[in-house]
Amino acid sequence: MTEQETVALFKCLADRTRLQILRTLAREDAYVELLSERLGMAPSTISFHLKKLADVGAVSSSKSQYYTMYTLNRALFDTTVLSILQQESDEAAAQDERERLWREKVLRSFFDEDGRLRTIPAQRKKRLIVLERIAEAFEQGRTYSEREVNLVIADFHDDFCTLRREMVDEHLMTREDGKYRRVL
């Protein structure tokens, strides 16, 4: 179940009439007129709510002689809220994996086998990935002079001025009184 489907289900269940219909269907399958009689509501009201429940997969319908019978989707309600939350975290993990693979592809595209930057990416998102990779060459907590920063960046690309300025602009490094520190 996707996050959007989960939200739609919970919104649908947040209605007293729909819960009453589900309670009745939990005991036995029923048709609109029977539900209307048991719950003391107009058939049009019952039909409206059954449509909403069917849209989120909470009930299903089938023809039986003259009537359309509605059945509770028990498998859906056997699912616990915890399993729904776990499923969403699995989707998030899959998204994280896709992001990781994409980052690796970007790095392979812009860095050669020796770790030198072929070209500075024009697209900001790709440029940020490249800058983060270069920032890894700097130690956390250490203060660098501008010359030291230039020497480290020059190992990656000849245009160290642009890369240094971009790293400060993207908050990967701080510059204060001519001294630089890695942020990440």
Protein backbone atom coordinates (compact mmCIF):
# COMPACT_ATOMS: atom_id res chain seq x y z
CA MET A 1 0.00 0.00 0.00
CA THR A 2 1.46 3.34 -1.02
CA GLU A 3 1.53 6.34 1.27
CA GLN A 4 -1.22 7.98 -0.79
CA GLU A 5 -3.42 4.86 -0.53
CA THR A 6 -2.81 4.71 3.24
CA VAL A 7 -3.87 8.34 3.68
CA ALA A 8 -7.00 7.76 1.58
CA LEU A 9 -7.91 4.69 3.68
CA PHE A 10 -7.50 6.51 6.99
CA LYS A 11 -9.50 9.49 5.73
CA CYS A 12 -12.25 7.15 4.60
CA LEU A 13 -12.33 5.38 7.97
CA ALA A 14 -12.67 8.67 9.83
CA ASP A 15 -16.46 8.66 9.42
CA ARG A 16 -19.00 7.22 11.87
CA THR A 17 -21.42 5.99 9.18
CA ARG A 18 -18.68 4.15 7.32
CA LEU A 19 -17.53 2.51 10.53
CA GLN A 20 -21.11 1.37 11.22
CA ILE A 21 -21.33 -0.10 7.71
CA LEU A 22 -18.01 -1.89 8.22
CA ARG A 23 -19.16 -3.31 11.58
CA THR A 24 -22.28 -4.70 9.92
CA LEU A 25 -20.28 -6.16 7.02
CA ALA A 26 -17.85 -7.72 9.50
CA ARG A 27 -20.77 -9.91 10.70
CA GLU A 28 -22.18 -10.75 7.26
CA ASP A 29 -22.28 -9.65 3.63
CA ALA A 30 -25.18 -7.32 2.89
CA TYR A 31 -26.90 -5.31 0.17
CA VAL A 32 -27.80 -1.61 0.27
CA GLU A 33 -31.44 -2.03 1.34
CA LEU A 34 -30.52 -4.41 4.20
CA LEU A 35 -27.83 -2.01 5.44
CA SER A 36 -30.29 0.86 5.13
CA GLU A 37 -32.87 -0.98 7.25
CA ARG A 38 -30.36 -2.11 9.90
CA LEU A 39 -28.67 1.26 10.27
CA GLY A 40 -31.82 3.38 9.91
CA MET A 41 -30.44 5.46 7.03
CA ALA A 42 -31.58 6.25 3.51
CA PRO A 43 -30.39 3.84 0.80
CA SER A 44 -28.80 6.78 -1.04
CA THR A 45 -26.69 7.57 2.04
CA ILE A 46 -25.60 3.93 2.33
CA SER A 47 -24.75 3.81 -1.40
CA PHE A 48 -22.68 6.99 -1.11
CA HIS A 49 -20.63 5.59 1.77
CA LEU A 50 -20.24 2.16 0.16
CA LYS A 51 -18.79 3.85 -2.93
CA LYS A 52 -16.24 5.64 -0.76
CA LEU A 53 -15.33 2.37 1.00
CA ALA A 54 -15.04 0.54 -2.32
CA ASP A 55 -12.76 3.26 -3.73
CA VAL A 56 -10.18 2.61 -1.00
CA GLY A 57 -10.54 -1.17 -1.21
CA ALA A 58 -12.28 -1.62 2.16
CA VAL A 59 -15.26 -3.41 0.58
CA SER A 60 -15.94 -5.22 -2.65
CA SER A 61 -19.19 -5.91 -4.45
CA SER A 62 -20.66 -8.79 -6.44
CA LYS A 63 -24.02 -9.50 -8.08
CA SER A 64 -26.30 -11.99 -6.39
CA GLN A 65 -29.66 -12.41 -8.14
CA TYR A 66 -31.37 -9.01 -7.88
CA TYR A 67 -28.93 -7.46 -5.41
CA THR A 68 -25.43 -6.13 -5.34
CA MET A 69 -23.84 -7.75 -2.29
CA TYR A 70 -21.09 -5.94 -0.40
CA THR A 71 -18.30 -7.83 1.34
CA LEU A 72 -15.72 -6.59 3.82
CA ASN A 73 -12.13 -6.85 2.58
CA ARG A 74 -10.87 -8.78 5.60
CA ALA A 75 -7.29 -8.98 4.34
CA LEU A 76 -7.05 -5.20 4.42
CA PHE A 77 -8.23 -5.05 8.02
CA ASP A 78 -6.01 -7.93 9.11
CA THR A 79 -3.10 -5.60 8.33
CA THR A 80 -1.83 -3.79 11.40
CA VAL A 81 -1.00 -0.11 11.48
CA LEU A 82 2.56 -1.09 12.37
CA SER A 83 2.90 -3.15 9.20
CA ILE A 84 1.61 -0.21 7.15
CA LEU A 85 4.21 2.06 8.75
CA GLN A 86 6.92 -0.56 8.14
CA GLN A 87 5.90 -0.82 4.49
CA GLU A 88 6.30 2.93 4.12
CA SER A 89 9.76 2.78 5.69
CA ASP A 90 10.62 0.03 3.17
CA GLU A 91 9.54 2.40 0.40
CA ALA A 92 11.73 5.11 1.91
CA ALA A 93 14.66 2.68 1.99
CA ALA A 94 14.10 1.86 -1.68
CA GLN A 95 14.03 5.58 -2.46
CA ASP A 96 17.29 6.05 -0.52
CA GLU A 97 18.88 3.24 -2.54
CA ARG A 98 17.76 4.84 -5.83
CA GLU A 99 19.25 8.15 -4.64
CA ARG A 100 22.54 6.46 -3.71
CA LEU A 101 22.80 4.76 -7.12
CA TRP A 102 22.06 8.04 -8.89
CA ARG A 103 24.76 9.83 -6.84
CA GLU A 104 27.28 7.14 -7.78
CA LYS A 105 26.36 7.54 -11.45
CA VAL A 106 26.86 11.31 -11.24
CA LEU A 107 30.26 10.85 -9.58
CA ARG A 108 31.35 8.32 -12.24
CA SER A 109 30.25 10.75 -14.96
CA PHE A 110 32.23 13.72 -13.66
CA PHE A 111 35.32 12.12 -12.09
CA ASP A 112 37.92 10.12 -13.98
CA GLU A 113 39.63 6.94 -12.71
CA ASP A 114 42.30 9.03 -10.94
CA GLY A 115 39.68 11.02 -9.00
CA ARG A 116 40.13 14.19 -11.04
CA LEU A 117 37.08 16.25 -11.92
CA ARG A 118 36.60 16.28 -15.71
CA THR A 119 34.29 19.28 -15.72
CA ILE A 120 32.22 21.28 -13.24
CA PRO A 121 28.55 20.31 -13.67
CA ALA A 122 26.21 23.05 -14.85
CA GLN A 123 23.16 21.54 -13.14
CA ARG A 124 23.06 22.63 -9.49
CA LYS A 125 21.95 19.25 -8.12
CA LYS A 126 24.83 17.44 -9.82
CA ARG A 127 27.28 20.20 -8.92
CA LEU A 128 26.31 19.85 -5.25
CA ILE A 129 27.07 16.10 -5.36
CA VAL A 130 30.49 16.85 -6.87
CA LEU A 131 31.19 19.54 -4.27
CA GLU A 132 30.19 17.18 -1.44
CA ARG A 133 32.67 14.63 -2.79
CA ILE A 134 35.45 17.24 -2.83
CA ALA A 135 34.50 18.39 0.69
CA GLU A 136 35.23 14.85 1.93
CA ALA A 137 38.93 15.58 1.30
CA PHE A 138 38.89 18.09 4.17
CA GLU A 139 39.12 16.98 7.80
CA GLN A 140 36.26 17.78 10.17
CA GLY A 141 37.15 20.39 12.79
CA ARG A 142 40.42 21.45 11.17
CA THR A 143 41.02 25.05 10.11
CA TYR A 144 42.60 25.59 6.67
CA SER A 145 44.26 28.62 5.16
CA GLU A 146 43.10 29.68 1.71
CA ARG A 147 46.33 28.34 0.23
CA GLU A 148 45.76 24.92 1.83
CA VAL A 149 42.20 24.84 0.51
CA ASN A 150 43.45 25.72 -2.97
CA LEU A 151 46.04 22.92 -2.88
CA VAL A 152 43.46 20.31 -1.83
CA ILE A 153 40.95 21.41 -4.46
CA ALA A 154 43.67 21.63 -7.14
CA ASP A 155 44.13 17.86 -6.74
CA PHE A 156 40.59 17.55 -8.15
CA HIS A 157 40.41 20.38 -10.71
CA ASP A 158 42.47 23.36 -11.92
CA ASP A 159 39.69 25.90 -11.30
CA PHE A 160 40.09 25.82 -7.52
CA CYS A 161 38.82 29.40 -7.12
CA THR A 162 35.39 28.57 -8.54
CA LEU A 163 35.13 25.34 -6.57
CA ARG A 164 36.23 27.02 -3.32
CA ARG A 165 33.67 29.79 -3.77
CA GLU A 166 30.94 27.25 -4.64
CA MET A 167 31.75 25.18 -1.55
CA VAL A 168 31.32 28.26 0.64
CA ASP A 169 28.14 29.31 -1.20
CA GLU A 170 26.65 25.82 -0.75
CA HIS A 171 27.56 25.85 2.99
CA LEU A 172 29.94 22.92 2.67
CA MET A 173 32.72 25.10 4.06
CA THR A 174 32.76 28.26 6.12
CA ARG A 175 35.08 31.19 5.52
CA GLU A 176 35.90 33.53 8.36
CA ASP A 177 38.89 35.91 8.47
CA GLY A 178 40.56 34.07 5.61
CA LYS A 179 40.25 30.70 7.40
CA TYR A 180 38.18 27.80 6.10
CA ARG A 181 36.46 24.94 7.90
CA ARG A 182 34.52 21.98 6.56
CA VAL A 183 30.83 22.05 7.56
CA LEU A 184 29.73 18.55 6.59
